[in-house]
Amino acid sequence: MSYTPTTWQSTDIVTATRMNALEQAVGDLNMSYTPNVWQNGDILTADKMNALEQAVASGGGGGGDLSEANVTFVNNSATYLPCGCFYVYDWGDELGVMSDTGLFSSDTYIVPLYQGLAIWNFGDDFPFNRVTTSGDVAIDSEEFVIYITGDCTITLT
């Protein structure tokens, strides 16, 4: 995130540009928050400002290395899939995050991201040719991994 904080003065006019930059920065920190899109002349209502305040208060510790993504796995194949586990990488240190489980039905996981990345490791028997994805995800079938960088859906047919 590359947000430059505004240094407000008591007589400043609150503009849509300044509020939208703040909203987007808070949305980047707190994935469950949907940023409001302000227009010049909008009234700063208590509801909108309180929602922004709450998002800041629960936004994940102020820019640390950890964030999270909602990853939905949809298994339309009716086949049990043994799979690896989620890992977060420090490109040298590897931390296991989820236990090694198999997938038979559809489920959503809250996946921790370290510096914006989690890697889902599979064996070479995983049917990558039957996988489609949407959202912030990339497949590397040669390395048998799925790179997760944000909310996404992984569907097996």
Protein backbone atom coordinates (compact mmCIF):
# COMPACT_ATOMS: atom_id res chain seq x y z
CA MET A 1 0.00 0.00 0.00
CA SER A 2 1.37 3.43 -0.86
CA TYR A 3 -0.83 5.85 1.06
CA THR A 4 0.53 9.26 1.93
CA PRO A 5 -1.32 10.56 4.99
CA THR A 6 -2.95 13.97 4.78
CA THR A 7 -1.79 16.54 7.32
CA TRP A 8 -5.08 18.28 8.01
CA GLN A 9 -5.39 21.90 9.02
CA SER A 10 -8.41 23.21 10.96
CA THR A 11 -9.63 25.28 8.01
CA ASP A 12 -9.17 22.60 5.31
CA ILE A 13 -12.06 21.69 3.04
CA VAL A 14 -12.78 17.97 3.02
CA THR A 15 -12.62 16.96 -0.65
CA ALA A 16 -13.70 13.78 -2.38
CA THR A 17 -10.11 13.18 -3.51
CA ARG A 18 -8.77 13.23 0.05
CA MET A 19 -11.61 11.11 1.46
CA ASN A 20 -11.42 8.56 -1.36
CA ALA A 21 -7.67 8.14 -0.85
CA LEU A 22 -8.29 7.51 2.86
CA GLU A 23 -11.17 5.12 2.13
CA GLN A 24 -9.05 3.12 -0.32
CA ALA A 25 -6.15 2.91 2.13
CA VAL A 26 -8.48 1.60 4.85
CA GLY A 27 -10.00 -0.86 2.37
CA ASP A 28 -6.50 -2.14 1.54
CA LEU A 29 -5.83 -2.76 5.24
CA ASN A 30 -9.20 -4.29 6.06
CA MET A 31 -10.45 -6.66 3.36
CA SER A 32 -13.92 -6.88 4.90
CA TYR A 33 -14.44 -3.11 4.49
CA THR A 34 -15.99 -1.76 1.29
CA PRO A 35 -14.68 1.78 0.77
CA ASN A 36 -17.24 4.53 0.32
CA VAL A 37 -16.85 6.57 -2.87
CA TRP A 38 -17.20 10.25 -1.96
CA GLN A 39 -18.28 13.09 -4.22
CA ASN A 40 -17.44 16.73 -3.57
CA GLY A 41 -20.29 18.22 -1.52
CA ASP A 42 -21.20 14.95 0.24
CA ILE A 43 -22.12 15.27 3.90
CA LEU A 44 -19.89 13.40 6.35
CA THR A 45 -22.62 11.38 8.05
CA ALA A 46 -22.11 9.65 11.38
CA ASP A 47 -22.88 6.25 9.78
CA LYS A 48 -20.23 6.62 7.07
CA MET A 49 -17.60 8.03 9.41
CA ASN A 50 -18.29 5.42 12.11
CA ALA A 51 -17.96 2.64 9.52
CA LEU A 52 -14.61 4.10 8.47
CA GLU A 53 -13.49 4.38 12.10
CA GLN A 54 -14.48 0.77 12.84
CA ALA A 55 -12.63 -0.46 9.76
CA VAL A 56 -9.50 1.35 10.94
CA ALA A 57 -9.88 -0.08 14.45
CA SER A 58 -10.14 -3.66 13.16
CA GLY A 59 -7.88 -3.26 10.13
CA GLY A 60 -5.13 -5.75 10.93
CA GLY A 61 -2.55 -4.07 13.08
CA GLY A 62 -1.38 -1.14 11.00
CA GLY A 63 0.49 -2.54 8.06
CA GLY A 64 2.18 -5.64 9.43
CA ASP A 65 3.36 -8.50 7.25
CA LEU A 66 0.21 -10.59 7.78
CA SER A 67 -3.14 -10.16 6.07
CA GLU A 68 -5.80 -12.64 5.05
CA ALA A 69 -7.79 -13.73 2.03
CA ASN A 70 -11.05 -15.59 1.62
CA VAL A 71 -10.35 -18.56 -0.63
CA THR A 72 -13.32 -20.57 -1.87
CA PHE A 73 -12.56 -24.03 -3.17
CA VAL A 74 -15.37 -25.51 -5.27
CA ASN A 75 -15.06 -29.23 -5.96
CA ASN A 76 -17.56 -30.12 -8.69
CA SER A 77 -15.78 -33.37 -9.48
CA ALA A 78 -17.14 -35.50 -6.60
CA THR A 79 -13.59 -36.80 -6.25
CA TYR A 80 -11.65 -36.73 -2.99
CA LEU A 81 -8.47 -34.77 -3.54
CA PRO A 82 -5.50 -35.24 -1.29
CA CYS A 83 -3.73 -31.94 -1.15
CA GLY A 84 -0.98 -30.18 0.67
CA CYS A 85 -1.43 -27.40 3.14
CA PHE A 86 -1.31 -23.64 3.09
CA TYR A 87 2.09 -22.10 3.66
CA VAL A 88 3.17 -18.54 4.09
CA TYR A 89 6.62 -17.81 2.82
CA ASP A 90 9.44 -15.53 3.86
CA TRP A 91 11.36 -16.86 0.84
CA GLY A 92 13.55 -18.98 3.05
CA ASP A 93 11.57 -19.57 6.20
CA GLU A 94 8.46 -21.65 5.73
CA LEU A 95 5.58 -21.63 8.23
CA GLY A 96 2.85 -24.27 8.04
CA VAL A 97 -0.55 -22.65 8.49
CA MET A 98 -3.17 -25.34 7.88
CA SER A 99 -3.01 -29.02 8.61
CA ASP A 100 -2.67 -31.40 5.70
CA THR A 101 -6.22 -32.22 4.63
CA GLY A 102 -8.06 -33.52 1.64
CA LEU A 103 -10.91 -31.83 -0.17
CA PHE A 104 -14.08 -33.65 -1.13
CA SER A 105 -16.69 -30.91 -1.14
CA SER A 106 -16.71 -27.15 -1.47
CA ASP A 107 -15.49 -24.95 1.35
CA THR A 108 -14.16 -21.46 2.07
CA TYR A 109 -10.93 -20.93 3.95
CA ILE A 110 -9.57 -17.81 5.59
CA VAL A 111 -6.00 -17.99 4.40
CA PRO A 112 -3.24 -15.97 6.03
CA LEU A 113 -1.03 -14.08 3.61
CA TYR A 114 2.54 -13.19 4.52
CA GLN A 115 3.60 -10.04 2.71
CA GLY A 116 0.61 -10.58 0.43
CA LEU A 117 1.28 -14.21 -0.52
CA ALA A 118 0.24 -17.73 0.43
CA ILE A 119 1.21 -20.81 -1.51
CA TRP A 120 -1.08 -23.83 -1.73
CA ASN A 121 1.11 -26.86 -2.34
CA PHE A 122 -0.21 -29.93 -4.19
CA GLY A 123 1.30 -33.18 -5.35
CA ASP A 124 2.04 -33.95 -8.96
CA ASP A 125 -1.20 -35.97 -9.21
CA PHE A 126 -3.38 -32.87 -8.70
CA PRO A 127 -5.55 -32.39 -11.83
CA PHE A 128 -4.49 -28.83 -12.71
CA ASN A 129 -5.96 -29.29 -16.21
CA ARG A 130 -9.44 -29.39 -14.59
CA VAL A 131 -9.00 -26.23 -12.50
CA THR A 132 -10.37 -22.77 -13.21
CA THR A 133 -9.75 -19.75 -11.05
CA SER A 134 -11.03 -16.25 -10.49
CA GLY A 135 -9.76 -13.44 -8.32
CA ASP A 136 -6.26 -12.96 -6.95
CA VAL A 137 -4.75 -16.35 -7.69
CA ALA A 138 -2.24 -17.90 -10.13
CA ILE A 139 -1.50 -21.54 -10.93
CA ASP A 140 1.96 -22.99 -11.53
CA SER A 141 1.28 -26.55 -12.66
CA GLU A 142 4.98 -27.26 -13.20
CA GLU A 143 5.78 -26.51 -9.53
CA PHE A 144 2.45 -28.02 -8.31
CA VAL A 145 1.43 -24.87 -6.46
CA ILE A 146 -1.27 -22.23 -6.46
CA TYR A 147 -0.17 -18.71 -5.53
CA ILE A 148 -2.82 -16.81 -3.56
CA THR A 149 -2.50 -13.04 -3.28
CA GLY A 150 -6.05 -12.13 -2.26
CA ASP A 151 -9.70 -13.23 -2.30
CA CYS A 152 -10.29 -15.88 -4.94
CA THR A 153 -12.20 -18.94 -6.05
CA ILE A 154 -10.60 -22.17 -7.20
CA THR A 155 -12.96 -24.54 -9.03
CA LEU A 156 -12.30 -28.17 -9.91
CA THR A 157 -14.53 -29.76 -12.55
